Amino acid sequence: MGYTSEILDVTYQPEDRTCIMKLKDALPAKLDDETVVFNRTFHTDYYIIRNCRFTNNRARGALLQGSHGLVENNLFRALPFKSKPAAKAAGAKARALPTCSSAIM
């Protein structure tokens, strides 16, 4: 959509766990249920995960959702890979990755 605006005021609604934002510019007329508002200051692009250890996490070792990241020389051990296709594609055997090093572009 390409809409941007300056936030003039934010009021937190703790009972609903929501925020009401006052914007400098009017919102576009057509917004649907899939519209997402976010602050680009806190984006997840350009990250480095290096020389880390991920062990005994019942969900996953790392969830990488940003772009332009580098993951290298990390240890993934005792994670619940079992028979998940992504884990097999990454070379997971016996629920452990001895080392993991790859670039994500």
C-alpha atoms as a PDB file:
ATOM      1  CA  MET A   1       0.000   0.000   0.000  1.00  0.00           C
ATOM      2  CA  GLY A   2       2.869   2.381   0.760  1.00  0.00           C
ATOM      3  CA  TYR A   3       1.221   4.601   3.381  1.00  0.00           C
ATOM      4  CA  THR A   4       3.400   6.393   5.951  1.00  0.00           C
ATOM      5  CA  SER A   5       2.566   9.014   8.562  1.00  0.00           C
ATOM      6  CA  GLU A   6       3.946  10.607  11.704  1.00  0.00           C
ATOM      7  CA  ILE A   7       2.552   9.417  15.041  1.00  0.00           C
ATOM      8  CA  LEU A   8       1.399  12.393  17.079  1.00  0.00           C
ATOM      9  CA  ASP A   9       0.168  10.595  20.189  1.00  0.00           C
ATOM     10  CA  VAL A  10      -0.195   7.054  21.574  1.00  0.00           C
ATOM     11  CA  THR A  11      -2.544   5.988  24.353  1.00  0.00           C
ATOM     12  CA  TYR A  12      -2.037   2.506  25.784  1.00  0.00           C
ATOM     13  CA  GLN A  13      -5.173   0.547  26.720  1.00  0.00           C
ATOM     14  CA  PRO A  14      -3.887  -2.028  29.260  1.00  0.00           C
ATOM     15  CA  GLU A  15      -7.258  -3.776  29.714  1.00  0.00           C
ATOM     16  CA  ASP A  16      -7.354  -4.603  25.981  1.00  0.00           C
ATOM     17  CA  ARG A  17      -3.577  -4.748  25.468  1.00  0.00           C
ATOM     18  CA  THR A  18      -3.963  -2.326  22.560  1.00  0.00           C
ATOM     19  CA  CYS A  19      -2.820   1.170  21.626  1.00  0.00           C
ATOM     20  CA  ILE A  20      -4.733   4.071  20.131  1.00  0.00           C
ATOM     21  CA  MET A  21      -2.548   6.111  17.808  1.00  0.00           C
ATOM     22  CA  LYS A  22      -3.225   9.627  16.585  1.00  0.00           C
ATOM     23  CA  LEU A  23      -1.632  10.111  13.161  1.00  0.00           C
ATOM     24  CA  LYS A  24      -0.672  13.290  11.357  1.00  0.00           C
ATOM     25  CA  ASP A  25      -2.201  12.101   8.063  1.00  0.00           C
ATOM     26  CA  ALA A  26      -5.555  10.429   7.455  1.00  0.00           C
ATOM     27  CA  LEU A  27      -5.533   6.673   6.900  1.00  0.00           C
ATOM     28  CA  PRO A  28      -6.277   5.401   3.386  1.00  0.00           C
ATOM     29  CA  ALA A  29     -10.002   4.870   2.753  1.00  0.00           C
ATOM     30  CA  LYS A  30      -9.696   1.133   2.022  1.00  0.00           C
ATOM     31  CA  LEU A  31      -8.138  -0.875   4.856  1.00  0.00           C
ATOM     32  CA  ASP A  32      -8.879  -4.566   5.297  1.00  0.00           C
ATOM     33  CA  ASP A  33      -8.469  -7.086   8.113  1.00  0.00           C
ATOM     34  CA  GLU A  34      -4.980  -7.951   6.847  1.00  0.00           C
ATOM     35  CA  THR A  35      -3.595  -4.415   7.344  1.00  0.00           C
ATOM     36  CA  VAL A  36      -0.526  -4.293   9.579  1.00  0.00           C
ATOM     37  CA  VAL A  37       0.911  -1.206  11.299  1.00  0.00           C
ATOM     38  CA  PHE A  38       4.522  -1.326  12.428  1.00  0.00           C
ATOM     39  CA  ASN A  39       7.480   0.871  13.254  1.00  0.00           C
ATOM     40  CA  ARG A  40      10.328   0.415  10.760  1.00  0.00           C
ATOM     41  CA  THR A  41      12.778   1.540  13.455  1.00  0.00           C
ATOM     42  CA  PHE A  42      12.370  -1.913  15.003  1.00  0.00           C
ATOM     43  CA  HIS A  43      12.636  -4.029  11.841  1.00  0.00           C
ATOM     44  CA  THR A  44      14.617  -7.252  11.920  1.00  0.00           C
ATOM     45  CA  ASP A  45      16.765  -6.860   8.812  1.00  0.00           C
ATOM     46  CA  TYR A  46      20.544  -7.092   8.886  1.00  0.00           C
ATOM     47  CA  TYR A  47      21.210  -9.366  11.834  1.00  0.00           C
ATOM     48  CA  ILE A  48      24.172 -11.556  12.788  1.00  0.00           C
ATOM     49  CA  ILE A  49      23.884 -14.644  14.984  1.00  0.00           C
ATOM     50  CA  ARG A  50      27.408 -15.900  15.507  1.00  0.00           C
ATOM     51  CA  ASN A  51      29.055 -18.297  17.984  1.00  0.00           C
ATOM     52  CA  CYS A  52      25.846 -18.969  19.926  1.00  0.00           C
ATOM     53  CA  ARG A  53      24.535 -22.115  21.586  1.00  0.00           C
ATOM     54  CA  PHE A  54      20.878 -23.168  21.274  1.00  0.00           C
ATOM     55  CA  THR A  55      19.988 -26.123  23.506  1.00  0.00           C
ATOM     56  CA  ASN A  56      16.973 -27.728  25.175  1.00  0.00           C
ATOM     57  CA  ASN A  57      14.407 -25.381  23.687  1.00  0.00           C
ATOM     58  CA  ARG A  58      11.119 -27.201  23.257  1.00  0.00           C
ATOM     59  CA  ALA A  59       9.942 -25.046  20.333  1.00  0.00           C
ATOM     60  CA  ARG A  60      12.974 -24.302  18.143  1.00  0.00           C
ATOM     61  CA  GLY A  61      16.552 -23.149  18.300  1.00  0.00           C
ATOM     62  CA  ALA A  62      16.021 -19.890  16.410  1.00  0.00           C
ATOM     63  CA  LEU A  63      13.147 -18.407  14.435  1.00  0.00           C
ATOM     64  CA  LEU A  64      14.637 -16.254  11.691  1.00  0.00           C
ATOM     65  CA  GLN A  65      12.074 -14.043  10.001  1.00  0.00           C
ATOM     66  CA  GLY A  66      14.091 -11.017   8.927  1.00  0.00           C
ATOM     67  CA  SER A  67      16.057 -10.665   5.725  1.00  0.00           C
ATOM     68  CA  HIS A  68      19.729 -10.050   5.037  1.00  0.00           C
ATOM     69  CA  GLY A  69      20.906 -12.080   8.016  1.00  0.00           C
ATOM     70  CA  LEU A  70      24.031 -14.058   8.732  1.00  0.00           C
ATOM     71  CA  VAL A  71      23.998 -17.179  10.902  1.00  0.00           C
ATOM     72  CA  GLU A  72      27.390 -18.805  11.403  1.00  0.00           C
ATOM     73  CA  ASN A  73      29.321 -21.058  13.758  1.00  0.00           C
ATOM     74  CA  ASN A  74      26.380 -21.818  16.055  1.00  0.00           C
ATOM     75  CA  LEU A  75      25.630 -24.959  18.045  1.00  0.00           C
ATOM     76  CA  PHE A  76      22.086 -26.413  17.935  1.00  0.00           C
ATOM     77  CA  ARG A  77      21.623 -29.360  20.307  1.00  0.00           C
ATOM     78  CA  ALA A  78      18.716 -31.210  21.974  1.00  0.00           C
ATOM     79  CA  LEU A  79      16.025 -29.508  19.893  1.00  0.00           C
ATOM     80  CA  PRO A  80      12.733 -31.195  18.930  1.00  0.00           C
ATOM     81  CA  PHE A  81      13.462 -31.677  15.210  1.00  0.00           C
ATOM     82  CA  LYS A  82      12.239 -35.268  14.957  1.00  0.00           C
ATOM     83  CA  SER A  83      10.911 -35.636  11.410  1.00  0.00           C
ATOM     84  CA  LYS A  84      10.171 -32.062  10.404  1.00  0.00           C
ATOM     85  CA  PRO A  85      11.009 -31.417   6.715  1.00  0.00           C
ATOM     86  CA  ALA A  86      12.964 -28.192   7.355  1.00  0.00           C
ATOM     87  CA  ALA A  87      15.138 -29.886   9.963  1.00  0.00           C
ATOM     88  CA  LYS A  88      15.865 -32.781   7.613  1.00  0.00           C
ATOM     89  CA  ALA A  89      16.744 -30.353   4.838  1.00  0.00           C
ATOM     90  CA  ALA A  90      19.178 -28.621   7.210  1.00  0.00           C
ATOM     91  CA  GLY A  91      20.869 -31.966   7.933  1.00  0.00           C
ATOM     92  CA  ALA A  92      19.377 -32.641  11.369  1.00  0.00           C
ATOM     93  CA  LYS A  93      20.012 -36.191  12.583  1.00  0.00           C
ATOM     94  CA  ALA A  94      19.128 -37.738  15.908  1.00  0.00           C
ATOM     95  CA  ARG A  95      17.560 -34.503  17.145  1.00  0.00           C
ATOM     96  CA  ALA A  96      20.865 -32.593  17.057  1.00  0.00           C
ATOM     97  CA  LEU A  97      22.823 -30.363  14.727  1.00  0.00           C
ATOM     98  CA  PRO A  98      26.457 -30.487  15.858  1.00  0.00           C
ATOM     99  CA  THR A  99      27.205 -27.164  14.153  1.00  0.00           C
ATOM    100  CA  CYS A 100      25.316 -24.894  11.844  1.00  0.00           C
ATOM    101  CA  SER A 101      26.717 -22.226   9.576  1.00  0.00           C
ATOM    102  CA  SER A 102      24.909 -20.574   6.702  1.00  0.00           C
ATOM    103  CA  ALA A 103      24.154 -17.213   5.184  1.00  0.00           C
ATOM    104  CA  ILE A 104      20.576 -16.121   4.643  1.00  0.00           C
ATOM    105  CA  MET A 105      19.904 -13.624   1.894  1.00  0.00           C
END
